[in-house]
Structures are given as C-alpha cells and as structure tokens.
C-alpha cells in the first residue's frame, strides 16, 4: 500500500494548532521542532491535511536518522513510515524507528527489517542535563517518543487504548 506523505513546514501555526487539537499530550514535540536546524528535524503527515491520522517526526543525530511515528491506524502509519524512508532518506541510511510494538509488527509484515526500539522508561532532561524520573503513565496512555538529550518525553492518549 503506497501512501502519499506531505512534509509540513514546522514553523506553520497550523502544525502547532493541529498538534494541540489532536495530540494535546504531545506538546513537547513543539519544543523539539526548535532543534530543526541542528538536527534537520522534519514533520510529515498523511495527505489528508488538516484531518490527518498520522504524523511522522524525524531528525538526524550524527549519521543515524530517527523516526517517531504517531498514528491512529497502525497499518496506515507503517505505510507512511515506509514512504518517508523510501522518498526522504538516503538509501544507505538505516533509521532507528521508535514507537509501539504494534507498529513494529506491521513493519515486519512489509518485510522492513529496520532497527527499532520501544520506549520503556519515562524521563526528561532539564537544561543542566539532570535526569528526572517520572511516574508511570496513567491508564489509557502509551509511550510515543523519547528524545534522549533535548526534548521531553512524549505520551499520547489514543481512542481505544487500554
């Protein structure tokens, strides 16, 4: 299944409004967008903007591209991740995909043997690089993303998540 992706201008107010409306618990991604110059951060969505079901946040740390998928339909999210990898990354680059187990299962179905990781602990870094442990997530929330240096932990509550 081929999905069309749109790269969203991260300075657009529409992106911030969209994130606040659809993923209010992911406010930290907006802070992450400030890293765009240093890490070449980009945001992609499916082609039904502004009523999208998938947002893909990417950045490059050193030689490794990191991909954080946010979506309400795992198979569609994976198709969009695949499209981002095929059309927006150097063919020699092996990205690290960070997301939930269901997304990885869908990736495997497509034969995409990518490096992936499921975030397991909740923490943030303060400006003085002090690590702060946070309590476990409330019921109904799941981990979407952790960036280990500059932005805070990101969690979202999805419809039907238990």
Protein backbone atom coordinates (compact mmCIF):
# COMPACT_ATOMS: atom_id res chain seq x y z
CA UNK A 1 0.00 0.00 0.00
CA UNK A 2 1.62 3.26 -1.17
CA UNK A 3 0.82 6.34 0.89
CA UNK A 4 1.42 9.93 -0.08
CA UNK A 5 3.20 11.99 2.54
CA UNK A 6 3.34 15.73 2.96
CA UNK A 7 6.26 17.49 4.61
CA UNK A 8 4.82 20.09 6.95
CA UNK A 9 6.53 23.43 7.41
CA UNK A 10 7.41 23.25 11.11
CA UNK A 11 7.13 26.99 11.52
CA UNK A 12 3.49 26.99 10.41
CA UNK A 13 0.98 27.84 13.09
CA UNK A 14 -1.30 25.18 11.57
CA UNK A 15 1.07 22.44 12.74
CA UNK A 16 1.04 23.70 16.31
CA UNK A 17 -2.74 24.08 16.23
CA UNK A 18 -3.05 20.57 14.80
CA UNK A 19 -0.86 19.02 17.50
CA UNK A 20 -2.70 20.84 20.27
CA UNK A 21 -6.05 19.70 18.86
CA UNK A 22 -5.30 16.07 18.05
CA UNK A 23 -2.36 15.20 20.32
CA UNK A 24 -2.64 17.59 23.28
CA UNK A 25 -0.34 15.42 25.39
CA UNK A 26 2.45 15.74 22.81
CA UNK A 27 3.16 19.38 23.47
CA UNK A 28 6.86 18.54 23.80
CA UNK A 29 7.14 17.82 20.08
CA UNK A 30 6.73 21.55 19.53
CA UNK A 31 9.80 22.10 21.71
CA UNK A 32 11.58 19.50 19.60
CA UNK A 33 10.85 21.49 16.47
CA UNK A 34 13.18 24.16 17.81
CA UNK A 35 16.01 21.68 17.17
CA UNK A 36 15.23 21.68 13.45
CA UNK A 37 18.40 23.50 12.38
CA UNK A 38 20.80 21.38 14.42
CA UNK A 39 19.18 18.00 13.78
CA UNK A 40 17.41 18.56 10.46
CA UNK A 41 14.07 17.81 12.14
CA UNK A 42 11.11 17.31 9.83
CA UNK A 43 7.43 16.57 10.27
CA UNK A 44 5.46 14.52 7.74
CA UNK A 45 1.74 13.78 7.66
CA UNK A 46 -0.54 11.71 5.51
CA UNK A 47 -2.06 13.55 2.56
CA UNK A 48 -5.40 14.40 4.17
CA UNK A 49 -4.18 17.58 5.89
CA UNK A 50 -5.56 19.01 8.15
CA UNK A 51 -7.66 15.93 9.08
CA UNK A 52 -4.65 13.62 9.30
CA UNK A 53 -4.41 10.31 11.12
CA UNK A 54 -0.61 10.03 11.06
CA UNK A 55 2.26 12.35 11.95
CA UNK A 56 5.88 11.27 11.46
CA UNK A 57 8.60 13.22 13.27
CA UNK A 58 12.16 12.68 12.01
CA UNK A 59 15.54 14.06 12.90
CA UNK A 60 19.14 13.06 12.36
CA UNK A 61 21.58 12.65 15.22
CA UNK A 62 25.06 12.09 13.81
CA UNK A 63 24.66 9.64 10.94
CA UNK A 64 21.52 7.98 12.32
CA UNK A 65 18.06 9.16 11.27
CA UNK A 66 15.44 8.72 13.99
CA UNK A 67 11.77 8.26 13.12
CA UNK A 68 8.91 8.69 15.59
CA UNK A 69 5.53 7.61 14.21
CA UNK A 70 2.32 8.95 15.75
CA UNK A 71 -0.85 7.45 14.33
CA UNK A 72 -4.31 6.09 14.95
CA UNK A 73 -4.15 3.32 12.31
CA UNK A 74 -1.04 1.14 12.59
CA UNK A 75 -1.10 -0.21 9.02
CA UNK A 76 -1.52 3.29 7.56
CA UNK A 77 1.16 4.65 9.88
CA UNK A 78 3.59 1.96 8.72
CA UNK A 79 2.80 2.65 5.06
CA UNK A 80 3.62 6.30 5.67
CA UNK A 81 6.82 5.41 7.55
CA UNK A 82 7.81 3.26 4.57
CA UNK A 83 7.10 6.14 2.18
CA UNK A 84 9.18 8.55 4.31
CA UNK A 85 12.08 6.08 4.36
CA UNK A 86 11.92 5.44 0.62
CA UNK A 87 11.46 9.02 -0.53
CA UNK A 88 13.15 11.21 2.08
CA UNK A 89 16.15 9.26 3.40
CA UNK A 90 19.46 8.39 1.80
CA UNK A 91 19.28 4.75 0.66
CA UNK A 92 22.42 3.89 2.67
CA UNK A 93 20.94 5.17 5.93
CA UNK A 94 19.43 2.70 8.37
CA UNK A 95 16.93 4.64 10.51
CA UNK A 96 16.07 3.95 14.13
CA UNK A 97 12.28 3.77 14.44
CA UNK A 98 10.89 4.41 17.91
CA UNK A 99 7.29 3.50 18.60
CA UNK A 100 4.87 0.91 19.92
CA UNK A 101 5.06 -2.85 19.38
CA UNK A 102 2.02 -2.89 17.07
CA UNK A 103 3.82 -0.58 14.62
CA UNK A 104 6.84 -2.89 14.60
CA UNK A 105 4.65 -5.92 13.89
CA UNK A 106 3.20 -4.08 10.87
CA UNK A 107 6.73 -3.16 9.73
CA UNK A 108 7.71 -6.83 9.85
CA UNK A 109 4.70 -7.75 7.70
CA UNK A 110 6.07 -5.43 5.00
CA UNK A 111 9.49 -7.07 5.24
CA UNK A 112 11.10 -3.91 6.57
CA UNK A 113 13.95 -5.08 8.75
CA UNK A 114 14.57 -1.75 10.40
CA UNK A 115 16.24 -1.06 13.71
CA UNK A 116 13.54 -0.21 16.17
CA UNK A 117 13.04 0.42 19.83
CA UNK A 118 10.05 0.60 22.11
CA UNK A 119 10.50 3.36 24.68
CA UNK A 120 10.45 1.80 28.11
CA UNK A 121 11.11 4.42 30.74
CA UNK A 122 9.74 7.85 31.31
CA UNK A 123 12.19 10.66 31.89
CA UNK A 124 13.11 14.19 30.91
CA UNK A 125 16.36 16.11 30.90
CA UNK A 126 16.49 19.53 32.44
CA UNK A 127 18.63 22.29 30.99
CA UNK A 128 21.50 21.39 33.30
CA UNK A 129 21.33 17.78 31.99
CA UNK A 130 19.95 16.42 35.25
CA UNK A 131 17.87 13.32 34.58
CA UNK A 132 14.45 13.30 36.26
CA UNK A 133 12.46 10.08 36.55
CA UNK A 134 8.72 10.46 36.09
CA UNK A 135 5.88 8.31 37.43
CA UNK A 136 4.33 5.64 35.21
CA UNK A 137 1.76 6.72 32.66
CA UNK A 138 -1.91 6.76 33.61
CA UNK A 139 -4.13 4.01 32.20
CA UNK A 140 -5.09 4.63 28.59
CA UNK A 141 -1.83 6.36 27.64
CA UNK A 142 1.03 4.87 25.69
CA UNK A 143 4.54 5.98 25.01
CA UNK A 144 5.17 7.65 21.67
CA UNK A 145 8.61 9.12 21.87
CA UNK A 146 11.67 9.86 23.91
CA UNK A 147 14.49 12.08 22.73
CA UNK A 148 17.43 11.48 24.99
CA UNK A 149 19.01 14.90 25.07
CA UNK A 150 16.97 18.00 24.43
CA UNK A 151 13.23 17.46 24.39
CA UNK A 152 10.91 16.00 26.94
CA UNK A 153 9.19 12.66 26.99
CA UNK A 154 6.11 12.47 24.77
CA UNK A 155 2.99 10.44 25.54
CA UNK A 156 -0.41 10.36 23.90
CA UNK A 157 -3.81 9.02 24.75
CA UNK A 158 -5.36 7.26 21.77
CA UNK A 159 -9.00 6.27 21.36
CA UNK A 160 -9.42 2.61 22.29
CA UNK A 161 -6.06 2.42 24.09
CA UNK A 162 -6.24 0.46 27.29
